[in-house]
Amino acid sequence: MPATILRLLSATSAFSLLLVLGCGSADRTHLPVYPTSGRLSVGGKPAQGVSVVLNPIEGSSAAKKGIAPSGTSDESGSFVISTYAQDDGAPAGDYKVTLQWMRTEPEANGPPAGFSAPRDKFEGRFRNPTVSTWSTKIEEGNNVLEHLTID
């Protein structure tokens, strides 16, 4: 009976070791990220609730991993970019910047809130990375994007 217990303990220990090693390996696939923030304004005023997405240039490390860091502007028009965790930043590389500003209030002649799909206040004009006129380069260290202005 002691030999059976010894084998059971060995098998349990080996299984536990595999679990620990297996769970830790996922973090090693993350690209390093660097603090990234910015500001935006619409019509000369800060805009709250605008989704800012950094679309990696094709062939970049971020693109190969399917990463698109993003953030949402606050009441002052400021945003902080997140990739893996809240406000952690973005991987180094070149990006095209896209914006989307979803309506949160019901439209004047439309259905009440919750009864229709939200619509982009920009009507999709700034959502396509292939035609975006905004680009940025994220580098090691702290990154502050150029002020994004929409007239």
C-alpha atoms as a PDB file:
ATOM      1  CA  MET A   1       0.000   0.000   0.000  1.00  0.00           C
ATOM      2  CA  PRO A   2       2.806   2.528   0.680  1.00  0.00           C
ATOM      3  CA  ALA A   3       4.068   1.998  -2.917  1.00  0.00           C
ATOM      4  CA  THR A   4       0.605   2.880  -4.245  1.00  0.00           C
ATOM      5  CA  ILE A   5       0.541   6.082  -2.195  1.00  0.00           C
ATOM      6  CA  LEU A   6       4.052   6.969  -3.390  1.00  0.00           C
ATOM      7  CA  ARG A   7       3.030   6.494  -7.054  1.00  0.00           C
ATOM      8  CA  LEU A   8      -0.120   8.571  -6.510  1.00  0.00           C
ATOM      9  CA  LEU A   9       1.904  11.382  -4.915  1.00  0.00           C
ATOM     10  CA  SER A  10       4.453  11.280  -7.760  1.00  0.00           C
ATOM     11  CA  ALA A  11       1.726  11.410 -10.400  1.00  0.00           C
ATOM     12  CA  THR A  12      -0.033  14.271  -8.577  1.00  0.00           C
ATOM     13  CA  SER A  13       3.246  16.214  -8.251  1.00  0.00           C
ATOM     14  CA  ALA A  14       4.070  15.742 -11.928  1.00  0.00           C
ATOM     15  CA  PHE A  15       0.572  16.853 -12.959  1.00  0.00           C
ATOM     16  CA  SER A  16       0.797  19.936 -10.705  1.00  0.00           C
ATOM     17  CA  LEU A  17       4.157  20.875 -12.207  1.00  0.00           C
ATOM     18  CA  LEU A  18       2.734  20.618 -15.730  1.00  0.00           C
ATOM     19  CA  LEU A  19      -0.195  22.847 -14.778  1.00  0.00           C
ATOM     20  CA  VAL A  20       2.079  25.509 -13.311  1.00  0.00           C
ATOM     21  CA  LEU A  21       4.430  25.489 -16.302  1.00  0.00           C
ATOM     22  CA  GLY A  22       1.567  25.429 -18.786  1.00  0.00           C
ATOM     23  CA  CYS A  23      -0.259  28.369 -17.209  1.00  0.00           C
ATOM     24  CA  GLY A  24       2.851  30.514 -17.058  1.00  0.00           C
ATOM     25  CA  SER A  25       3.780  30.093 -20.714  1.00  0.00           C
ATOM     26  CA  ALA A  26       0.900  32.234 -22.041  1.00  0.00           C
ATOM     27  CA  ASP A  27       2.345  35.403 -20.498  1.00  0.00           C
ATOM     28  CA  ARG A  28       5.610  34.922 -22.372  1.00  0.00           C
ATOM     29  CA  THR A  29       3.772  35.363 -25.689  1.00  0.00           C
ATOM     30  CA  HIS A  30       2.722  38.938 -24.837  1.00  0.00           C
ATOM     31  CA  LEU A  31       4.590  41.703 -26.579  1.00  0.00           C
ATOM     32  CA  PRO A  32       6.101  44.360 -24.286  1.00  0.00           C
ATOM     33  CA  VAL A  33       3.839  47.408 -24.011  1.00  0.00           C
ATOM     34  CA  TYR A  34       4.667  51.062 -23.395  1.00  0.00           C
ATOM     35  CA  PRO A  35       2.462  53.753 -21.794  1.00  0.00           C
ATOM     36  CA  THR A  36       0.420  55.495 -24.486  1.00  0.00           C
ATOM     37  CA  SER A  37      -2.072  58.332 -24.126  1.00  0.00           C
ATOM     38  CA  GLY A  38      -3.530  61.255 -26.046  1.00  0.00           C
ATOM     39  CA  ARG A  39      -6.285  63.821 -26.382  1.00  0.00           C
ATOM     40  CA  LEU A  40      -8.948  64.517 -28.957  1.00  0.00           C
ATOM     41  CA  SER A  41     -11.484  67.206 -29.687  1.00  0.00           C
ATOM     42  CA  VAL A  42     -14.494  67.518 -31.955  1.00  0.00           C
ATOM     43  CA  GLY A  43     -15.517  70.963 -33.138  1.00  0.00           C
ATOM     44  CA  GLY A  44     -12.928  72.512 -30.819  1.00  0.00           C
ATOM     45  CA  LYS A  45     -14.356  70.842 -27.701  1.00  0.00           C
ATOM     46  CA  PRO A  46     -13.269  67.719 -25.777  1.00  0.00           C
ATOM     47  CA  ALA A  47     -15.327  64.689 -26.768  1.00  0.00           C
ATOM     48  CA  GLN A  48     -16.252  62.014 -24.232  1.00  0.00           C
ATOM     49  CA  GLY A  49     -16.830  58.376 -25.197  1.00  0.00           C
ATOM     50  CA  VAL A  50     -14.849  58.262 -28.441  1.00  0.00           C
ATOM     51  CA  SER A  51     -13.241  54.871 -29.054  1.00  0.00           C
ATOM     52  CA  VAL A  52      -9.639  55.237 -30.256  1.00  0.00           C
ATOM     53  CA  VAL A  53      -8.120  52.155 -31.892  1.00  0.00           C
ATOM     54  CA  LEU A  54      -4.484  51.689 -32.907  1.00  0.00           C
ATOM     55  CA  ASN A  55      -4.533  49.421 -35.963  1.00  0.00           C
ATOM     56  CA  PRO A  56      -1.092  47.840 -36.482  1.00  0.00           C
ATOM     57  CA  ILE A  57       0.541  48.159 -39.873  1.00  0.00           C
ATOM     58  CA  GLU A  58       0.464  44.871 -41.793  1.00  0.00           C
ATOM     59  CA  GLY A  59       3.467  42.657 -41.077  1.00  0.00           C
ATOM     60  CA  SER A  60       4.226  44.223 -37.680  1.00  0.00           C
ATOM     61  CA  SER A  61       4.580  42.123 -34.524  1.00  0.00           C
ATOM     62  CA  ALA A  62       1.243  43.434 -33.211  1.00  0.00           C
ATOM     63  CA  ALA A  63      -0.503  42.618 -36.507  1.00  0.00           C
ATOM     64  CA  LYS A  64       0.913  39.088 -36.500  1.00  0.00           C
ATOM     65  CA  LYS A  65      -0.554  38.566 -33.020  1.00  0.00           C
ATOM     66  CA  GLY A  66      -3.906  40.142 -33.958  1.00  0.00           C
ATOM     67  CA  ILE A  67      -3.511  42.960 -31.434  1.00  0.00           C
ATOM     68  CA  ALA A  68      -5.353  46.294 -31.806  1.00  0.00           C
ATOM     69  CA  PRO A  69      -4.719  48.435 -28.696  1.00  0.00           C
ATOM     70  CA  SER A  70      -7.534  50.834 -27.818  1.00  0.00           C
ATOM     71  CA  GLY A  71      -8.886  53.361 -25.367  1.00  0.00           C
ATOM     72  CA  THR A  72     -11.933  55.563 -24.769  1.00  0.00           C
ATOM     73  CA  SER A  73     -11.873  59.316 -24.249  1.00  0.00           C
ATOM     74  CA  ASP A  74     -13.058  60.822 -20.971  1.00  0.00           C
ATOM     75  CA  GLU A  75     -14.874  64.142 -20.364  1.00  0.00           C
ATOM     76  CA  SER A  76     -11.649  66.094 -21.007  1.00  0.00           C
ATOM     77  CA  GLY A  77     -11.058  64.300 -24.327  1.00  0.00           C
ATOM     78  CA  SER A  78      -8.100  62.407 -22.844  1.00  0.00           C
ATOM     79  CA  PHE A  79      -7.591  58.693 -23.402  1.00  0.00           C
ATOM     80  CA  VAL A  80      -5.158  56.009 -22.267  1.00  0.00           C
ATOM     81  CA  ILE A  81      -4.435  53.030 -24.503  1.00  0.00           C
ATOM     82  CA  SER A  82      -4.852  49.437 -23.270  1.00  0.00           C
ATOM     83  CA  THR A  83      -3.677  46.181 -24.833  1.00  0.00           C
ATOM     84  CA  TYR A  84      -3.643  43.330 -22.296  1.00  0.00           C
ATOM     85  CA  ALA A  85      -4.798  45.161 -19.145  1.00  0.00           C
ATOM     86  CA  GLN A  86      -6.436  48.488 -18.291  1.00  0.00           C
ATOM     87  CA  ASP A  87      -4.187  51.426 -19.291  1.00  0.00           C
ATOM     88  CA  ASP A  88      -1.095  49.236 -19.845  1.00  0.00           C
ATOM     89  CA  GLY A  89      -0.118  50.861 -23.158  1.00  0.00           C
ATOM     90  CA  ALA A  90       0.677  49.540 -26.632  1.00  0.00           C
ATOM     91  CA  PRO A  91       3.416  47.423 -28.213  1.00  0.00           C
ATOM     92  CA  ALA A  92       6.123  49.295 -30.126  1.00  0.00           C
ATOM     93  CA  GLY A  93       5.423  49.752 -33.828  1.00  0.00           C
ATOM     94  CA  ASP A  94       3.607  51.758 -36.466  1.00  0.00           C
ATOM     95  CA  TYR A  95      -0.175  52.141 -36.343  1.00  0.00           C
ATOM     96  CA  LYS A  96      -3.076  53.741 -38.190  1.00  0.00           C
ATOM     97  CA  VAL A  97      -5.492  55.431 -35.782  1.00  0.00           C
ATOM     98  CA  THR A  98      -9.252  55.002 -36.172  1.00  0.00           C
ATOM     99  CA  LEU A  99     -12.131  56.541 -34.230  1.00  0.00           C
ATOM    100  CA  GLN A 100     -15.717  55.630 -33.500  1.00  0.00           C
ATOM    101  CA  TRP A 101     -18.169  57.637 -31.378  1.00  0.00           C
ATOM    102  CA  MET A 102     -21.299  55.679 -30.577  1.00  0.00           C
ATOM    103  CA  ARG A 103     -24.520  57.491 -29.758  1.00  0.00           C
ATOM    104  CA  THR A 104     -25.677  56.786 -26.230  1.00  0.00           C
ATOM    105  CA  GLU A 105     -28.840  58.874 -26.358  1.00  0.00           C
ATOM    106  CA  PRO A 106     -31.874  58.129 -28.533  1.00  0.00           C
ATOM    107  CA  GLU A 107     -32.095  60.002 -31.848  1.00  0.00           C
ATOM    108  CA  ALA A 108     -34.742  62.737 -32.164  1.00  0.00           C
ATOM    109  CA  ASN A 109     -36.970  60.877 -34.652  1.00  0.00           C
ATOM    110  CA  GLY A 110     -35.658  57.382 -34.007  1.00  0.00           C
ATOM    111  CA  PRO A 111     -36.724  54.537 -31.741  1.00  0.00           C
ATOM    112  CA  PRO A 112     -36.139  54.862 -27.986  1.00  0.00           C
ATOM    113  CA  ALA A 113     -32.765  53.867 -26.537  1.00  0.00           C
ATOM    114  CA  GLY A 114     -32.266  50.113 -26.419  1.00  0.00           C
ATOM    115  CA  PHE A 115     -34.528  49.415 -29.409  1.00  0.00           C
ATOM    116  CA  SER A 116     -32.027  50.007 -32.189  1.00  0.00           C
ATOM    117  CA  ALA A 117     -28.376  49.378 -32.826  1.00  0.00           C
ATOM    118  CA  PRO A 118     -26.175  52.272 -31.653  1.00  0.00           C
ATOM    119  CA  ARG A 119     -24.913  54.453 -34.481  1.00  0.00           C
ATOM    120  CA  ASP A 120     -21.519  56.046 -34.953  1.00  0.00           C
ATOM    121  CA  LYS A 121     -21.780  59.854 -34.630  1.00  0.00           C
ATOM    122  CA  PHE A 122     -18.990  60.055 -37.212  1.00  0.00           C
ATOM    123  CA  GLU A 123     -21.058  57.831 -39.557  1.00  0.00           C
ATOM    124  CA  GLY A 124     -18.056  55.535 -40.123  1.00  0.00           C
ATOM    125  CA  ARG A 125     -15.824  58.261 -41.649  1.00  0.00           C
ATOM    126  CA  PHE A 126     -12.905  57.523 -39.293  1.00  0.00           C
ATOM    127  CA  ARG A 127     -13.341  53.766 -38.787  1.00  0.00           C
ATOM    128  CA  ASN A 128     -11.391  52.369 -41.758  1.00  0.00           C
ATOM    129  CA  PRO A 129      -7.634  52.029 -41.112  1.00  0.00           C
ATOM    130  CA  THR A 130      -6.795  51.774 -44.828  1.00  0.00           C
ATOM    131  CA  VAL A 131      -8.004  55.352 -45.446  1.00  0.00           C
ATOM    132  CA  SER A 132      -7.212  56.874 -42.054  1.00  0.00           C
ATOM    133  CA  THR A 133      -5.116  60.037 -42.226  1.00  0.00           C
ATOM    134  CA  TRP A 134      -3.898  59.579 -38.640  1.00  0.00           C
ATOM    135  CA  SER A 135      -0.856  57.465 -37.967  1.00  0.00           C
ATOM    136  CA  THR A 136       1.463  57.079 -35.002  1.00  0.00           C
ATOM    137  CA  LYS A 137       4.625  55.302 -33.976  1.00  0.00           C
ATOM    138  CA  ILE A 138       4.810  53.734 -30.515  1.00  0.00           C
ATOM    139  CA  GLU A 139       8.328  53.510 -29.125  1.00  0.00           C
ATOM    140  CA  GLU A 140       9.918  52.243 -25.922  1.00  0.00           C
ATOM    141  CA  GLY A 141       9.141  54.662 -23.081  1.00  0.00           C
ATOM    142  CA  ASN A 142       6.187  56.997 -22.553  1.00  0.00           C
ATOM    143  CA  ASN A 143       4.177  57.872 -25.694  1.00  0.00           C
ATOM    144  CA  VAL A 144       1.824  60.829 -26.089  1.00  0.00           C
ATOM    145  CA  LEU A 145      -0.085  60.850 -29.368  1.00  0.00           C
ATOM    146  CA  GLU A 146      -0.513  64.042 -31.366  1.00  0.00           C
ATOM    147  CA  HIS A 147      -3.768  65.850 -30.450  1.00  0.00           C
ATOM    148  CA  LEU A 148      -6.509  64.416 -32.698  1.00  0.00           C
ATOM    149  CA  THR A 149      -8.816  67.175 -33.944  1.00  0.00           C
ATOM    150  CA  ILE A 150     -12.030  66.802 -35.901  1.00  0.00           C
ATOM    151  CA  ASP A 151     -13.781  69.917 -37.209  1.00  0.00           C
END
